[in-house]
């Protein structure tokens, strides 16, 4: 069965009855009929709230929003922890945490080349101090005590991070027929790049040249960069709601 992941802006589209809302409703109807699987990438829970006075969309507000648009109880799907690839050279690769982090960083860089992967780096670029919870009861208190510029930088970075994390989560479980549905034009502008092979440079620990297993006690491993090319990191399709409906109509017959 085809799996459809809605980006968070699809929920806003339904809330505000925007242009693409009828197409999202059609996808919802197929979901209600049991014809497709419908979910939202778990990082959407970290999206900036529309209320500028709030720091996060808490669980009560999250459920209220989904219930209001008829999607109460929809699956909030996290990343799959283990996956594997065949490299561009045909080799079999098991993805570990460090390689997964490089994949996430590549997705972030493609989507937001001008926003640093790390919050502290982006704050440094913007010449503001990062918002820190130290000395406060919680992050909300720290956020409200921050300057408007600090809040603006944090929200812009968080928006970028959530988009990258949402697409990354989708990439860990998507199959060739599955869909990531979004009205965010940035995803569509960068779609060609996102579907290109990823050229990554993970660091691995290697024994001295000529060493054979089992390595003797005291063998010193050294770090070495091992470039790899991963194809089909993001499977399936990235589509606008209208495109998704047209695609699903053909797939569902």
C-alpha atoms as a PDB file:
ATOM      1  CA  UNK A   1       0.000   0.000   0.000  1.00  0.00           C
ATOM      2  CA  UNK A   2       1.294   3.451  -0.884  1.00  0.00           C
ATOM      3  CA  UNK A   3       2.480   5.488   2.089  1.00  0.00           C
ATOM      4  CA  UNK A   4       1.890   9.244   2.098  1.00  0.00           C
ATOM      5  CA  UNK A   5       3.749  11.558   4.486  1.00  0.00           C
ATOM      6  CA  UNK A   6       2.205  15.007   4.901  1.00  0.00           C
ATOM      7  CA  UNK A   7       4.508  17.908   5.589  1.00  0.00           C
ATOM      8  CA  UNK A   8       3.318  20.202   8.400  1.00  0.00           C
ATOM      9  CA  UNK A   9       2.348  22.959   5.969  1.00  0.00           C
ATOM     10  CA  UNK A  10      -0.369  20.620   4.652  1.00  0.00           C
ATOM     11  CA  UNK A  11      -2.043  20.874   8.062  1.00  0.00           C
ATOM     12  CA  UNK A  12      -1.849  24.674   7.881  1.00  0.00           C
ATOM     13  CA  UNK A  13      -3.285  24.434   4.349  1.00  0.00           C
ATOM     14  CA  UNK A  14      -6.323  22.621   5.783  1.00  0.00           C
ATOM     15  CA  UNK A  15      -6.643  24.969   8.760  1.00  0.00           C
ATOM     16  CA  UNK A  16      -6.709  28.058   6.580  1.00  0.00           C
ATOM     17  CA  UNK A  17      -8.631  26.457   3.679  1.00  0.00           C
ATOM     18  CA  UNK A  18      -5.963  27.410   1.178  1.00  0.00           C
ATOM     19  CA  UNK A  19      -5.793  26.525  -2.514  1.00  0.00           C
ATOM     20  CA  UNK A  20      -4.357  23.019  -2.079  1.00  0.00           C
ATOM     21  CA  UNK A  21      -6.750  22.015   0.735  1.00  0.00           C
ATOM     22  CA  UNK A  22      -9.276  20.153  -1.523  1.00  0.00           C
ATOM     23  CA  UNK A  23      -6.485  17.899  -2.829  1.00  0.00           C
ATOM     24  CA  UNK A  24      -5.317  17.103   0.692  1.00  0.00           C
ATOM     25  CA  UNK A  25      -8.937  16.266   1.547  1.00  0.00           C
ATOM     26  CA  UNK A  26      -8.994  13.795  -1.343  1.00  0.00           C
ATOM     27  CA  UNK A  27      -5.855  12.098  -0.007  1.00  0.00           C
ATOM     28  CA  UNK A  28      -7.535  12.038   3.415  1.00  0.00           C
ATOM     29  CA  UNK A  29     -10.621  10.393   1.855  1.00  0.00           C
ATOM     30  CA  UNK A  30      -8.488   7.613   0.361  1.00  0.00           C
ATOM     31  CA  UNK A  31      -6.863   7.189   3.776  1.00  0.00           C
ATOM     32  CA  UNK A  32     -10.293   6.884   5.432  1.00  0.00           C
ATOM     33  CA  UNK A  33     -11.242   4.278   2.823  1.00  0.00           C
ATOM     34  CA  UNK A  34      -8.113   2.270   3.638  1.00  0.00           C
ATOM     35  CA  UNK A  35      -6.559   2.797   0.216  1.00  0.00           C
ATOM     36  CA  UNK A  36      -3.381   4.584   1.371  1.00  0.00           C
ATOM     37  CA  UNK A  37      -1.331   4.875   4.540  1.00  0.00           C
ATOM     38  CA  UNK A  38      -1.173   8.444   5.851  1.00  0.00           C
ATOM     39  CA  UNK A  39       1.310   9.817   8.357  1.00  0.00           C
ATOM     40  CA  UNK A  40       3.278  12.881   9.422  1.00  0.00           C
ATOM     41  CA  UNK A  41       7.039  12.814   9.992  1.00  0.00           C
ATOM     42  CA  UNK A  42       7.684  12.971  13.738  1.00  0.00           C
ATOM     43  CA  UNK A  43       9.958  16.059  13.565  1.00  0.00           C
ATOM     44  CA  UNK A  44       6.870  18.105  12.663  1.00  0.00           C
ATOM     45  CA  UNK A  45       6.183  18.188  16.403  1.00  0.00           C
ATOM     46  CA  UNK A  46       9.148  20.577  16.665  1.00  0.00           C
ATOM     47  CA  UNK A  47       7.779  23.122  14.168  1.00  0.00           C
ATOM     48  CA  UNK A  48       7.554  26.757  15.196  1.00  0.00           C
ATOM     49  CA  UNK A  49       4.066  27.517  16.545  1.00  0.00           C
ATOM     50  CA  UNK A  50       2.037  30.163  14.713  1.00  0.00           C
ATOM     51  CA  UNK A  51       1.611  31.901  18.064  1.00  0.00           C
ATOM     52  CA  UNK A  52       4.837  33.913  18.324  1.00  0.00           C
ATOM     53  CA  UNK A  53       4.509  33.930  22.105  1.00  0.00           C
ATOM     54  CA  UNK A  54       4.870  30.132  22.292  1.00  0.00           C
ATOM     55  CA  UNK A  55       8.118  28.197  21.934  1.00  0.00           C
ATOM     56  CA  UNK A  56       6.756  24.828  20.857  1.00  0.00           C
ATOM     57  CA  UNK A  57       3.474  23.253  19.769  1.00  0.00           C
ATOM     58  CA  UNK A  58       2.654  21.321  22.927  1.00  0.00           C
ATOM     59  CA  UNK A  59       0.799  18.005  22.840  1.00  0.00           C
ATOM     60  CA  UNK A  60      -2.581  19.550  23.693  1.00  0.00           C
ATOM     61  CA  UNK A  61      -2.282  22.110  20.879  1.00  0.00           C
ATOM     62  CA  UNK A  62      -0.954  19.452  18.500  1.00  0.00           C
ATOM     63  CA  UNK A  63      -3.949  17.192  19.094  1.00  0.00           C
ATOM     64  CA  UNK A  64      -6.354  20.130  18.892  1.00  0.00           C
ATOM     65  CA  UNK A  65      -4.982  21.140  15.500  1.00  0.00           C
ATOM     66  CA  UNK A  66      -5.150  17.625  14.054  1.00  0.00           C
ATOM     67  CA  UNK A  67      -8.646  16.985  15.402  1.00  0.00           C
ATOM     68  CA  UNK A  68      -9.836  20.304  13.998  1.00  0.00           C
ATOM     69  CA  UNK A  69      -8.873  19.283  10.464  1.00  0.00           C
ATOM     70  CA  UNK A  70     -10.174  15.716  10.819  1.00  0.00           C
ATOM     71  CA  UNK A  71      -6.778  14.047  11.192  1.00  0.00           C
ATOM     72  CA  UNK A  72      -6.902  13.187  14.867  1.00  0.00           C
ATOM     73  CA  UNK A  73      -4.944  10.020  15.605  1.00  0.00           C
ATOM     74  CA  UNK A  74      -2.891  10.152  12.401  1.00  0.00           C
ATOM     75  CA  UNK A  75       0.406   8.313  12.782  1.00  0.00           C
ATOM     76  CA  UNK A  76       3.365  10.431  13.859  1.00  0.00           C
ATOM     77  CA  UNK A  77       6.137   8.423  12.230  1.00  0.00           C
ATOM     78  CA  UNK A  78       9.730   8.546  13.445  1.00  0.00           C
ATOM     79  CA  UNK A  79      12.885   7.709  11.520  1.00  0.00           C
ATOM     80  CA  UNK A  80      13.701   4.067  10.999  1.00  0.00           C
ATOM     81  CA  UNK A  81      16.881   3.393  12.951  1.00  0.00           C
ATOM     82  CA  UNK A  82      18.506   0.811  10.686  1.00  0.00           C
ATOM     83  CA  UNK A  83      18.678   0.818   6.910  1.00  0.00           C
ATOM     84  CA  UNK A  84      21.116  -0.149   4.218  1.00  0.00           C
ATOM     85  CA  UNK A  85      22.175   0.993   0.782  1.00  0.00           C
ATOM     86  CA  UNK A  86      23.874  -0.252  -2.281  1.00  0.00           C
ATOM     87  CA  UNK A  87      26.567   2.260  -3.108  1.00  0.00           C
ATOM     88  CA  UNK A  88      26.905   3.678  -6.612  1.00  0.00           C
ATOM     89  CA  UNK A  89      29.639   1.090  -7.198  1.00  0.00           C
ATOM     90  CA  UNK A  90      27.265  -1.734  -6.267  1.00  0.00           C
ATOM     91  CA  UNK A  91      28.766  -2.353  -2.832  1.00  0.00           C
ATOM     92  CA  UNK A  92      26.494  -3.151   0.114  1.00  0.00           C
ATOM     93  CA  UNK A  93      26.557  -0.572   2.905  1.00  0.00           C
ATOM     94  CA  UNK A  94      25.019  -0.734   6.351  1.00  0.00           C
ATOM     95  CA  UNK A  95      24.186   2.761   7.585  1.00  0.00           C
ATOM     96  CA  UNK A  96      25.406   3.506  11.092  1.00  0.00           C
ATOM     97  CA  UNK A  97      24.748   6.565  13.234  1.00  0.00           C
ATOM     98  CA  UNK A  98      27.710   8.551  11.889  1.00  0.00           C
ATOM     99  CA  UNK A  99      26.774   7.929   8.257  1.00  0.00           C
ATOM    100  CA  UNK A 100      23.119   8.748   8.993  1.00  0.00           C
ATOM    101  CA  UNK A 101      24.242  12.061  10.467  1.00  0.00           C
ATOM    102  CA  UNK A 102      26.146  12.848   7.246  1.00  0.00           C
ATOM    103  CA  UNK A 103      23.020  12.022   5.223  1.00  0.00           C
ATOM    104  CA  UNK A 104      20.956  14.367   7.383  1.00  0.00           C
ATOM    105  CA  UNK A 105      23.589  17.078   7.036  1.00  0.00           C
ATOM    106  CA  UNK A 106      23.561  16.692   3.248  1.00  0.00           C
ATOM    107  CA  UNK A 107      19.757  17.021   3.144  1.00  0.00           C
ATOM    108  CA  UNK A 108      19.970  20.137   5.322  1.00  0.00           C
ATOM    109  CA  UNK A 109      22.714  21.654   3.140  1.00  0.00           C
ATOM    110  CA  UNK A 110      20.773  21.049  -0.082  1.00  0.00           C
ATOM    111  CA  UNK A 111      17.592  22.598   1.328  1.00  0.00           C
ATOM    112  CA  UNK A 112      19.256  25.435   3.233  1.00  0.00           C
ATOM    113  CA  UNK A 113      22.762  26.200   1.971  1.00  0.00           C
ATOM    114  CA  UNK A 114      22.790  29.518   3.850  1.00  0.00           C
ATOM    115  CA  UNK A 115      21.677  28.153   7.226  1.00  0.00           C
ATOM    116  CA  UNK A 116      24.301  26.260   9.205  1.00  0.00           C
ATOM    117  CA  UNK A 117      23.613  22.690  10.286  1.00  0.00           C
ATOM    118  CA  UNK A 118      24.504  23.509  13.916  1.00  0.00           C
ATOM    119  CA  UNK A 119      22.531  26.147  15.830  1.00  0.00           C
ATOM    120  CA  UNK A 120      25.647  27.604  17.460  1.00  0.00           C
ATOM    121  CA  UNK A 121      27.321  28.006  14.049  1.00  0.00           C
ATOM    122  CA  UNK A 122      24.283  29.791  12.635  1.00  0.00           C
ATOM    123  CA  UNK A 123      24.126  32.133  15.629  1.00  0.00           C
ATOM    124  CA  UNK A 124      27.799  32.927  15.147  1.00  0.00           C
ATOM    125  CA  UNK A 125      27.154  33.722  11.495  1.00  0.00           C
ATOM    126  CA  UNK A 126      24.264  36.001  12.489  1.00  0.00           C
ATOM    127  CA  UNK A 127      26.324  37.670  15.264  1.00  0.00           C
ATOM    128  CA  UNK A 128      23.911  36.788  18.079  1.00  0.00           C
ATOM    129  CA  UNK A 129      24.316  34.747  21.235  1.00  0.00           C
ATOM    130  CA  UNK A 130      22.524  31.375  21.165  1.00  0.00           C
ATOM    131  CA  UNK A 131      19.514  31.072  23.431  1.00  0.00           C
ATOM    132  CA  UNK A 132      20.627  28.923  26.363  1.00  0.00           C
ATOM    133  CA  UNK A 133      18.412  27.357  29.079  1.00  0.00           C
ATOM    134  CA  UNK A 134      21.168  27.663  31.699  1.00  0.00           C
ATOM    135  CA  UNK A 135      20.042  29.901  34.538  1.00  0.00           C
ATOM    136  CA  UNK A 136      16.356  29.501  33.600  1.00  0.00           C
ATOM    137  CA  UNK A 137      13.694  27.058  34.764  1.00  0.00           C
ATOM    138  CA  UNK A 138      13.093  25.830  31.207  1.00  0.00           C
ATOM    139  CA  UNK A 139      13.636  26.650  27.537  1.00  0.00           C
ATOM    140  CA  UNK A 140      10.395  28.656  27.370  1.00  0.00           C
ATOM    141  CA  UNK A 141      11.639  31.017  30.070  1.00  0.00           C
ATOM    142  CA  UNK A 142      14.981  31.361  28.285  1.00  0.00           C
ATOM    143  CA  UNK A 143      13.239  32.054  24.983  1.00  0.00           C
ATOM    144  CA  UNK A 144      11.020  34.776  26.444  1.00  0.00           C
ATOM    145  CA  UNK A 145      14.027  36.441  28.074  1.00  0.00           C
ATOM    146  CA  UNK A 146      15.944  36.502  24.773  1.00  0.00           C
ATOM    147  CA  UNK A 147      16.092  39.499  22.483  1.00  0.00           C
ATOM    148  CA  UNK A 148      13.836  39.734  19.423  1.00  0.00           C
ATOM    149  CA  UNK A 149      16.855  39.116  17.197  1.00  0.00           C
ATOM    150  CA  UNK A 150      17.810  35.988  19.151  1.00  0.00           C
ATOM    151  CA  UNK A 151      14.243  34.714  18.850  1.00  0.00           C
ATOM    152  CA  UNK A 152      14.142  35.466  15.113  1.00  0.00           C
ATOM    153  CA  UNK A 153      17.410  33.593  14.475  1.00  0.00           C
ATOM    154  CA  UNK A 154      16.311  30.629  16.605  1.00  0.00           C
ATOM    155  CA  UNK A 155      12.959  30.356  14.822  1.00  0.00           C
ATOM    156  CA  UNK A 156      14.541  30.593  11.366  1.00  0.00           C
ATOM    157  CA  UNK A 157      17.096  27.905  12.237  1.00  0.00           C
ATOM    158  CA  UNK A 158      14.425  25.701  13.818  1.00  0.00           C
ATOM    159  CA  UNK A 159      12.215  25.984  10.736  1.00  0.00           C
ATOM    160  CA  UNK A 160      15.077  24.828   8.520  1.00  0.00           C
ATOM    161  CA  UNK A 161      16.015  22.025  10.894  1.00  0.00           C
ATOM    162  CA  UNK A 162      12.447  20.704  11.072  1.00  0.00           C
ATOM    163  CA  UNK A 163      12.136  20.640   7.270  1.00  0.00           C
ATOM    164  CA  UNK A 164      15.407  18.735   6.922  1.00  0.00           C
ATOM    165  CA  UNK A 165      14.537  16.326   9.741  1.00  0.00           C
ATOM    166  CA  UNK A 166      11.061  15.660   8.319  1.00  0.00           C
ATOM    167  CA  UNK A 167      12.385  14.755   4.877  1.00  0.00           C
ATOM    168  CA  UNK A 168      15.181  12.717   6.444  1.00  0.00           C
ATOM    169  CA  UNK A 169      12.675  10.738   8.541  1.00  0.00           C
ATOM    170  CA  UNK A 170      10.642  10.034   5.395  1.00  0.00           C
ATOM    171  CA  UNK A 171      13.815   8.924   3.578  1.00  0.00           C
ATOM    172  CA  UNK A 172      14.498   6.200   6.144  1.00  0.00           C
ATOM    173  CA  UNK A 173      11.334   4.220   5.426  1.00  0.00           C
ATOM    174  CA  UNK A 174      10.015   5.341   2.010  1.00  0.00           C
ATOM    175  CA  UNK A 175       9.646   2.892  -0.857  1.00  0.00           C
ATOM    176  CA  UNK A 176       9.686   3.777  -4.597  1.00  0.00           C
ATOM    177  CA  UNK A 177       5.909   4.426  -4.815  1.00  0.00           C
ATOM    178  CA  UNK A 178       5.614   6.476  -1.613  1.00  0.00           C
ATOM    179  CA  UNK A 179       5.004  10.223  -1.391  1.00  0.00           C
ATOM    180  CA  UNK A 180       6.256  13.181   0.622  1.00  0.00           C
ATOM    181  CA  UNK A 181       3.525  15.772   0.113  1.00  0.00           C
ATOM    182  CA  UNK A 182       4.353  19.418   0.730  1.00  0.00           C
ATOM    183  CA  UNK A 183       3.327  22.876  -0.447  1.00  0.00           C
ATOM    184  CA  UNK A 184       6.738  24.284   0.517  1.00  0.00           C
ATOM    185  CA  UNK A 185       8.265  25.496  -2.763  1.00  0.00           C
ATOM    186  CA  UNK A 186      11.787  25.095  -1.412  1.00  0.00           C
ATOM    187  CA  UNK A 187      11.416  21.292  -1.499  1.00  0.00           C
ATOM    188  CA  UNK A 188      10.279  21.457  -5.111  1.00  0.00           C
ATOM    189  CA  UNK A 189      13.048  23.835  -6.188  1.00  0.00           C
ATOM    190  CA  UNK A 190      15.642  21.477  -4.689  1.00  0.00           C
ATOM    191  CA  UNK A 191      13.959  18.234  -5.742  1.00  0.00           C
ATOM    192  CA  UNK A 192      16.408  17.402  -8.536  1.00  0.00           C
ATOM    193  CA  UNK A 193      19.371  17.803  -6.170  1.00  0.00           C
ATOM    194  CA  UNK A 194      17.715  15.752  -3.456  1.00  0.00           C
ATOM    195  CA  UNK A 195      17.275  12.796  -5.795  1.00  0.00           C
ATOM    196  CA  UNK A 196      20.865  12.896  -7.050  1.00  0.00           C
ATOM    197  CA  UNK A 197      23.445  10.498  -5.517  1.00  0.00           C
ATOM    198  CA  UNK A 198      24.884  11.791  -2.237  1.00  0.00           C
ATOM    199  CA  UNK A 199      28.680  12.112  -2.145  1.00  0.00           C
ATOM    200  CA  UNK A 200      29.734  11.721   1.480  1.00  0.00           C
ATOM    201  CA  UNK A 201      33.058  11.563   3.285  1.00  0.00           C
ATOM    202  CA  UNK A 202      32.684   9.514   6.474  1.00  0.00           C
ATOM    203  CA  UNK A 203      35.669   9.021   8.770  1.00  0.00           C
ATOM    204  CA  UNK A 204      36.568   5.425   9.640  1.00  0.00           C
ATOM    205  CA  UNK A 205      39.130   3.878  11.981  1.00  0.00           C
ATOM    206  CA  UNK A 206      41.672   1.694  10.204  1.00  0.00           C
ATOM    207  CA  UNK A 207      44.593  -0.446  11.452  1.00  0.00           C
ATOM    208  CA  UNK A 208      48.152   0.065  10.204  1.00  0.00           C
ATOM    209  CA  UNK A 209      48.805  -1.057   6.597  1.00  0.00           C
ATOM    210  CA  UNK A 210      49.398  -4.785   6.333  1.00  0.00           C
ATOM    211  CA  UNK A 211      47.594  -5.612   9.586  1.00  0.00           C
ATOM    212  CA  UNK A 212      45.470  -8.748   9.682  1.00  0.00           C
ATOM    213  CA  UNK A 213      42.727  -9.871  12.025  1.00  0.00           C
ATOM    214  CA  UNK A 214      42.740 -10.613  14.869  1.00  0.00           C
ATOM    215  CA  UNK A 215      44.645  -7.435  15.625  1.00  0.00           C
ATOM    216  CA  UNK A 216      47.182  -7.804  18.471  1.00  0.00           C
ATOM    217  CA  UNK A 217      46.608  -5.978  21.746  1.00  0.00           C
ATOM    218  CA  UNK A 218      47.907  -2.444  21.503  1.00  0.00           C
ATOM    219  CA  UNK A 219      47.162  -2.003  17.784  1.00  0.00           C
ATOM    220  CA  UNK A 220      46.586   1.694  17.176  1.00  0.00           C
ATOM    221  CA  UNK A 221      43.721   2.557  14.847  1.00  0.00           C
ATOM    222  CA  UNK A 222      43.904   5.825  12.942  1.00  0.00           C
ATOM    223  CA  UNK A 223      41.161   7.961  11.402  1.00  0.00           C
ATOM    224  CA  UNK A 224      40.870   7.922   7.642  1.00  0.00           C
ATOM    225  CA  UNK A 225      38.379   9.620   5.340  1.00  0.00           C
ATOM    226  CA  UNK A 226      36.580   7.090   3.169  1.00  0.00           C
ATOM    227  CA  UNK A 227      34.565   8.835   0.381  1.00  0.00           C
ATOM    228  CA  UNK A 228      31.425   7.004  -0.718  1.00  0.00           C
ATOM    229  CA  UNK A 229      28.573   7.688  -3.115  1.00  0.00           C
ATOM    230  CA  UNK A 230      25.052   6.686  -2.090  1.00  0.00           C
ATOM    231  CA  UNK A 231      22.324   6.474  -4.708  1.00  0.00           C
ATOM    232  CA  UNK A 232      18.572   6.664  -4.056  1.00  0.00           C
ATOM    233  CA  UNK A 233      18.957   8.081  -0.558  1.00  0.00           C
ATOM    234  CA  UNK A 234      15.478   9.599  -0.864  1.00  0.00           C
ATOM    235  CA  UNK A 235      13.092   7.147  -2.456  1.00  0.00           C
ATOM    236  CA  UNK A 236       9.602   7.757  -3.724  1.00  0.00           C
ATOM    237  CA  UNK A 237       8.386  11.208  -4.765  1.00  0.00           C
ATOM    238  CA  UNK A 238       8.161  14.772  -3.489  1.00  0.00           C
ATOM    239  CA  UNK A 239       4.888  16.277  -4.719  1.00  0.00           C
ATOM    240  CA  UNK A 240       2.446  19.120  -4.304  1.00  0.00           C
ATOM    241  CA  UNK A 241      -0.996  17.934  -3.086  1.00  0.00           C
ATOM    242  CA  UNK A 242      -2.543  18.312  -6.560  1.00  0.00           C
ATOM    243  CA  UNK A 243       0.297  16.316  -8.135  1.00  0.00           C
ATOM    244  CA  UNK A 244      -0.109  13.675  -5.441  1.00  0.00           C
ATOM    245  CA  UNK A 245      -3.829  13.292  -6.173  1.00  0.00           C
ATOM    246  CA  UNK A 246      -3.170  12.870  -9.913  1.00  0.00           C
ATOM    247  CA  UNK A 247      -0.444  10.318  -9.170  1.00  0.00           C
ATOM    248  CA  UNK A 248      -2.598   8.378  -6.707  1.00  0.00           C
ATOM    249  CA  UNK A 249      -5.563   8.324  -9.088  1.00  0.00           C
ATOM    250  CA  UNK A 250      -3.393   6.491 -11.616  1.00  0.00           C
ATOM    251  CA  UNK A 251      -1.876   4.159  -9.000  1.00  0.00           C
ATOM    252  CA  UNK A 252      -5.191   3.320  -7.360  1.00  0.00           C
ATOM    253  CA  UNK A 253      -7.028   2.885 -10.654  1.00  0.00           C
END
